[in-house]
Amino acid sequence: MSDSFAHTALVLEGGGMRGVFTSGVLDWMIDHRITFPYCVAVSAGSSNALSYASHQRGRGKYIFADLQVERHYLGLRNLVRHRSIMDMDLLYRELPEVIWPYDYAAYRANPMRLESVATDCLTGQPVYLEEKVSEERIIDIVRASSALPFACPIARVDGRAMLDGGIADSIPLQRAFDQGYTHAVVVLTRHRGYRKREHTSRIPSIIYRRYPQLRQALITRAQRYNAQLEWIERLEREGRITVIRPDNPVEVARIETDMAKMNALYQHGFDVAQRVLGQ
């Protein structure tokens, strides 16, 4: 481990296809043997963190760019075939077992703690999950952390109903502080100054009617996310955290199949990591 990061946490935001930016950042870290004692990640950030934790360079980029272009695992056609906007069987069974097998041995040998954030559907609160032993539970955790509301079926970990961690805790920096870390490297997938548009649209009563606390969390998500961004920008100005983010608004679409755009965003993440951490 680099001495500079021995007491620093790594925090990874989600962001769907924008996760290819994070893939570039983490591949730069792998190239320069930069590791952390602790990482907490959300949604697409959890998928990236898993490949980073096993030191499988290029795997994150393959998942978010190459595999999407080749197999279209994220797209509206999956709603008909799989009742989910994502082909969950491809991502969480075929990918780690056949297409690009996950190196569980390397992950277990890595002393870094990795927590993935999911949202408990009953409470609407974040749940921080980690696993080093059970291969099935490792994948279940990442699947739950990435299960998009409205577009994916509810996932289960330990029998508990869960959805995307970004609903309850989009940027889990406070979690890192709560674990005792006083500094963090935070990887965001939005440019400086970005704020999510806040609206008061109602969720139809038929959706998640068994989970009123989840419905409330979805309604207040944008407000809480924007407050996190303001807090992060203040801590960055105070020098308490290091932030890696895209320089400009990301042009990659939610369902992107343009390989040139994906490659460019990946390279941008690699370049920004070099600029921010290379010193």
Protein backbone atom coordinates (compact mmCIF):
# COMPACT_ATOMS: atom_id res chain seq x y z
CA MET A 1 0.00 0.00 0.00
CA SER A 2 1.19 3.51 -0.78
CA ASP A 3 2.00 5.22 2.52
CA SER A 4 0.05 8.28 1.35
CA PHE A 5 -3.20 6.31 1.37
CA ALA A 6 -2.64 4.00 4.34
CA HIS A 7 -5.16 5.93 6.47
CA THR A 8 -7.47 7.06 3.68
CA ALA A 9 -10.84 5.68 2.60
CA LEU A 10 -11.95 5.27 -1.01
CA VAL A 11 -15.55 6.33 -1.75
CA LEU A 12 -17.16 5.48 -5.10
CA GLU A 13 -20.36 7.01 -6.40
CA GLY A 14 -22.63 5.11 -8.81
CA GLY A 15 -24.05 6.54 -12.00
CA GLY A 16 -24.90 3.74 -14.43
CA MET A 17 -22.94 3.98 -17.67
CA ARG A 18 -21.02 6.95 -16.24
CA GLY A 19 -19.29 4.26 -14.18
CA VAL A 20 -16.83 3.83 -17.04
CA PHE A 21 -15.21 7.07 -15.79
CA THR A 22 -14.61 5.35 -12.45
CA SER A 23 -13.22 2.32 -14.31
CA GLY A 24 -10.52 4.55 -15.79
CA VAL A 25 -9.70 6.02 -12.38
CA LEU A 26 -9.36 2.59 -10.77
CA ASP A 27 -7.27 1.16 -13.60
CA TRP A 28 -4.84 4.05 -13.11
CA MET A 29 -4.70 3.12 -9.42
CA ILE A 30 -4.04 -0.53 -10.26
CA ASP A 31 -1.25 0.48 -12.64
CA HIS A 32 0.37 2.54 -9.88
CA ARG A 33 -0.29 0.00 -7.11
CA ILE A 34 -2.37 2.44 -5.11
CA THR A 35 -4.51 0.65 -2.54
CA PHE A 36 -6.66 1.65 0.41
CA PRO A 37 -7.51 -0.06 3.68
CA TYR A 38 -11.22 0.56 3.15
CA CYS A 39 -13.61 1.23 0.26
CA VAL A 40 -17.32 1.98 0.34
CA ALA A 41 -19.18 2.02 -2.96
CA VAL A 42 -22.65 2.40 -4.43
CA SER A 43 -24.39 0.78 -7.40
CA ALA A 44 -22.12 1.00 -10.47
CA GLY A 45 -19.36 1.97 -8.05
CA SER A 46 -19.80 -1.40 -6.32
CA SER A 47 -19.28 -3.27 -9.57
CA ASN A 48 -16.15 -1.25 -10.25
CA ALA A 49 -14.91 -1.72 -6.70
CA LEU A 50 -15.19 -5.50 -6.97
CA SER A 51 -12.87 -5.61 -10.00
CA TYR A 52 -10.50 -3.14 -8.33
CA ALA A 53 -10.39 -5.28 -5.19
CA SER A 54 -9.35 -8.35 -7.21
CA HIS A 55 -6.78 -6.31 -9.21
CA GLN A 56 -8.43 -7.32 -12.50
CA ARG A 57 -7.36 -4.41 -14.65
CA GLY A 58 -9.68 -3.63 -17.53
CA ARG A 59 -12.57 -5.69 -16.17
CA GLY A 60 -14.59 -2.67 -15.06
CA LYS A 61 -14.17 -0.98 -18.40
CA TYR A 62 -15.15 -4.18 -20.18
CA ILE A 63 -18.36 -4.42 -18.16
CA PHE A 64 -19.48 -0.82 -18.64
CA ALA A 65 -18.35 -0.35 -22.24
CA ASP A 66 -17.43 -3.44 -24.27
CA LEU A 67 -20.00 -5.83 -22.82
CA GLN A 68 -22.81 -3.29 -23.14
CA VAL A 69 -21.95 -2.64 -26.79
CA GLU A 70 -21.61 -6.38 -27.50
CA ARG A 71 -24.60 -7.74 -25.60
CA HIS A 72 -26.85 -4.71 -24.83
CA TYR A 73 -27.41 -5.94 -21.29
CA LEU A 74 -28.92 -2.56 -20.39
CA GLY A 75 -31.87 -1.61 -22.55
CA LEU A 76 -35.63 -1.43 -22.84
CA ARG A 77 -35.85 -4.71 -24.77
CA ASN A 78 -34.82 -6.51 -21.59
CA LEU A 79 -38.09 -5.43 -19.96
CA VAL A 80 -39.91 -7.83 -22.26
CA ARG A 81 -37.39 -10.67 -22.08
CA HIS A 82 -36.29 -10.42 -18.45
CA ARG A 83 -38.81 -8.09 -16.74
CA SER A 84 -35.86 -5.87 -15.92
CA ILE A 85 -34.06 -3.12 -17.79
CA MET A 86 -30.85 -5.06 -17.07
CA ASP A 87 -30.11 -8.65 -18.02
CA MET A 88 -29.40 -9.77 -14.47
CA ASP A 89 -28.50 -13.34 -15.43
CA LEU A 90 -25.84 -12.09 -17.81
CA LEU A 91 -24.34 -9.63 -15.34
CA TYR A 92 -24.46 -11.65 -12.15
CA ARG A 93 -24.16 -15.24 -13.35
CA GLU A 94 -22.69 -15.55 -16.84
CA LEU A 95 -20.22 -12.66 -16.48
CA PRO A 96 -18.50 -13.67 -13.22
CA GLU A 97 -18.62 -17.39 -14.01
CA VAL A 98 -17.92 -17.58 -17.76
CA ILE A 99 -17.36 -14.35 -19.69
CA TRP A 100 -14.73 -12.78 -17.41
CA PRO A 101 -14.48 -14.99 -14.33
CA TYR A 102 -14.13 -13.11 -11.09
CA ASP A 103 -10.92 -13.79 -9.18
CA TYR A 104 -12.32 -14.58 -5.74
CA ALA A 105 -8.93 -15.76 -4.49
CA ALA A 106 -7.33 -12.39 -5.25
CA TYR A 107 -10.26 -10.61 -3.62
CA ARG A 108 -9.95 -12.67 -0.45
CA ALA A 109 -6.19 -12.06 -0.35
CA ASN A 110 -6.70 -8.29 -0.56
CA PRO A 111 -6.73 -6.87 2.99
CA MET A 112 -8.91 -3.94 1.91
CA ARG A 113 -12.39 -3.94 3.42
CA LEU A 114 -15.08 -3.40 0.80
CA GLU A 115 -18.58 -2.30 1.75
CA SER A 116 -21.36 -1.94 -0.82
CA VAL A 117 -24.40 0.19 -0.11
CA ALA A 118 -27.93 -1.08 -0.71
CA THR A 119 -31.28 0.38 0.34
CA ASP A 120 -33.46 -1.64 2.69
CA CYS A 121 -36.93 -1.59 1.15
CA LEU A 122 -38.72 -1.89 4.51
CA THR A 123 -36.91 0.97 6.24
CA GLY A 124 -35.78 3.12 3.32
CA GLN A 125 -32.40 3.31 5.05
CA PRO A 126 -28.95 2.44 3.73
CA VAL A 127 -27.42 -0.94 4.52
CA TYR A 128 -23.64 -1.41 4.32
CA LEU A 129 -22.79 -4.94 3.28
CA GLU A 130 -19.49 -6.79 3.02
CA GLU A 131 -18.46 -10.35 2.31
CA LYS A 132 -15.16 -12.14 1.73
CA VAL A 133 -16.09 -15.82 1.97
CA SER A 134 -19.32 -16.75 0.23
CA GLU A 135 -19.06 -16.30 -3.54
CA GLU A 136 -22.83 -16.32 -3.88
CA ARG A 137 -23.29 -13.60 -1.27
CA ILE A 138 -20.53 -11.45 -2.81
CA ILE A 139 -22.46 -11.36 -6.07
CA ASP A 140 -25.82 -10.95 -4.32
CA ILE A 141 -24.52 -7.83 -2.57
CA VAL A 142 -23.35 -6.16 -5.76
CA ARG A 143 -26.60 -7.11 -7.47
CA ALA A 144 -28.65 -5.52 -4.67
CA SER A 145 -26.51 -2.39 -4.65
CA SER A 146 -27.16 -1.97 -8.40
CA ALA A 147 -30.87 -2.91 -8.61
CA LEU A 148 -32.39 0.21 -10.12
CA PRO A 149 -35.73 1.33 -8.69
CA PHE A 150 -38.72 1.00 -11.05
CA ALA A 151 -36.56 -0.71 -13.69
CA CYS A 152 -35.24 -3.83 -11.91
CA PRO A 153 -36.84 -6.42 -9.64
CA ILE A 154 -36.24 -6.14 -5.93
CA ALA A 155 -33.10 -8.03 -4.92
CA ARG A 156 -32.58 -10.00 -1.74
CA VAL A 157 -29.59 -10.38 0.54
CA ASP A 158 -29.95 -12.55 3.63
CA GLY A 159 -33.68 -12.69 2.86
CA ARG A 160 -34.08 -8.90 3.06
CA ALA A 161 -35.64 -6.94 0.21
CA MET A 162 -33.18 -4.39 -1.18
CA LEU A 163 -32.68 -1.96 -4.06
CA ASP A 164 -30.02 0.39 -5.38
CA GLY A 165 -27.91 1.94 -2.63
CA GLY A 166 -28.06 5.34 -4.31
CA ILE A 167 -31.65 5.75 -3.14
CA ALA A 168 -30.61 6.02 0.50
CA ASP A 169 -26.94 7.05 0.37
CA SER A 170 -25.70 8.17 -3.05
CA ILE A 171 -22.21 9.20 -1.89
CA PRO A 172 -21.36 7.32 1.33
CA LEU A 173 -18.62 9.62 2.56
CA GLN A 174 -20.15 9.88 6.04
CA ARG A 175 -19.95 6.11 6.31
CA ALA A 176 -16.19 6.32 5.71
CA PHE A 177 -15.86 8.93 8.46
CA ASP A 178 -17.95 6.76 10.76
CA GLN A 179 -15.43 3.94 10.21
CA GLY A 180 -12.72 6.17 11.67
CA TYR A 181 -11.11 7.59 8.52
CA THR A 182 -10.32 11.29 8.57
CA HIS A 183 -9.47 11.62 4.89
CA ALA A 184 -11.01 10.13 1.77
CA VAL A 185 -10.55 9.97 -1.96
CA VAL A 186 -14.03 10.44 -3.42
CA VAL A 187 -14.70 9.46 -7.03
CA LEU A 188 -17.77 11.18 -8.47
CA THR A 189 -19.34 10.70 -11.90
CA ARG A 190 -20.76 14.21 -12.27
CA HIS A 191 -18.90 17.46 -12.94
CA ARG A 192 -18.27 20.14 -10.30
CA GLY A 193 -21.37 22.19 -9.60
CA TYR A 194 -23.83 19.57 -10.83
CA ARG A 195 -27.13 19.40 -8.97
CA LYS A 196 -29.97 16.96 -9.53
CA ARG A 197 -33.24 18.62 -10.45
CA GLU A 198 -35.61 18.49 -7.50
CA HIS A 199 -39.28 17.79 -8.16
CA THR A 200 -42.29 16.78 -6.16
CA SER A 201 -43.83 14.28 -8.56
CA ARG A 202 -45.84 11.62 -6.79
CA ILE A 203 -45.12 7.93 -7.09
CA PRO A 204 -48.22 6.01 -8.20
CA SER A 205 -49.72 4.25 -5.20
CA ILE A 206 -49.48 0.85 -6.88
CA ILE A 207 -45.65 1.06 -7.01
CA TYR A 208 -43.86 -0.23 -3.90
CA ARG A 209 -47.12 -0.02 -1.93
CA ARG A 210 -45.73 -2.54 0.57
CA TYR A 211 -42.74 -0.30 1.23
CA PRO A 212 -43.88 3.20 2.31
CA GLN A 213 -40.46 4.11 3.72
CA LEU A 214 -38.85 3.23 0.40
CA ARG A 215 -41.38 5.44 -1.39
CA GLN A 216 -40.47 8.33 0.91
CA ALA A 217 -36.75 7.79 0.30
CA LEU A 218 -37.35 7.93 -3.46
CA ILE A 219 -39.31 11.17 -3.14
CA THR A 220 -36.56 12.91 -1.13
CA ARG A 221 -33.61 11.43 -3.01
CA ALA A 222 -32.70 14.48 -5.11
CA GLN A 223 -32.80 16.85 -2.14
CA ARG A 224 -30.53 14.62 -0.07
CA TYR A 225 -28.14 14.04 -2.99
CA ASN A 226 -27.75 17.76 -3.61
CA ALA A 227 -27.05 18.34 0.08
CA GLN A 228 -24.31 15.69 -0.09
CA LEU A 229 -22.73 17.43 -3.09
CA GLU A 230 -22.71 20.79 -1.31
CA TRP A 231 -21.10 19.18 1.75
CA ILE A 232 -18.49 17.43 -0.38
CA GLU A 233 -17.56 20.65 -2.17
CA ARG A 234 -17.11 22.38 1.18
CA LEU A 235 -14.90 19.61 2.56
CA GLU A 236 -12.88 19.68 -0.66
CA ARG A 237 -12.26 23.41 -0.26
CA GLU A 238 -11.15 22.77 3.33
CA GLY A 239 -8.68 20.12 2.16
CA ARG A 240 -10.33 17.33 4.15
CA ILE A 241 -11.02 15.16 1.11
CA THR A 242 -9.64 14.61 -2.38
CA VAL A 243 -12.25 14.55 -5.14
CA ILE A 244 -11.86 13.00 -8.59
CA ARG A 245 -14.64 13.96 -11.00
CA PRO A 246 -15.20 14.61 -14.72
CA ASP A 247 -14.03 18.02 -15.86
CA ASN A 248 -17.18 18.66 -17.90
CA PRO A 249 -20.78 17.41 -18.10
CA VAL A 250 -20.75 13.74 -19.11
CA GLU A 251 -22.30 13.13 -22.53
CA VAL A 252 -22.71 9.37 -22.14
CA ALA A 253 -26.41 8.47 -22.20
CA ARG A 254 -28.18 6.32 -19.62
CA ILE A 255 -28.33 3.52 -22.20
CA GLU A 256 -25.18 4.08 -24.24
CA THR A 257 -23.89 1.96 -27.11
CA ASP A 258 -21.44 4.43 -28.69
CA MET A 259 -18.07 2.80 -28.05
CA ALA A 260 -16.16 5.97 -28.93
CA LYS A 261 -17.96 7.91 -26.20
CA MET A 262 -17.38 5.14 -23.68
CA ASN A 263 -13.68 4.87 -24.52
CA ALA A 264 -13.29 8.64 -24.26
CA LEU A 265 -14.92 8.76 -20.82
CA TYR A 266 -12.79 5.85 -19.62
CA GLN A 267 -9.63 7.60 -20.80
CA HIS A 268 -10.78 10.82 -19.17
CA GLY A 269 -11.09 9.02 -15.83
CA PHE A 270 -7.59 7.62 -16.28
CA ASP A 271 -6.22 11.09 -17.11
CA VAL A 272 -7.98 12.86 -14.24
CA ALA A 273 -6.63 10.28 -11.77
CA GLN A 274 -3.14 10.95 -13.10
CA ARG A 275 -3.61 14.69 -12.69
CA VAL A 276 -5.12 14.56 -9.21
CA LEU A 277 -3.18 11.67 -7.65
CA GLY A 278 -0.07 11.51 -9.79
CA GLN A 279 1.73 14.09 -7.70
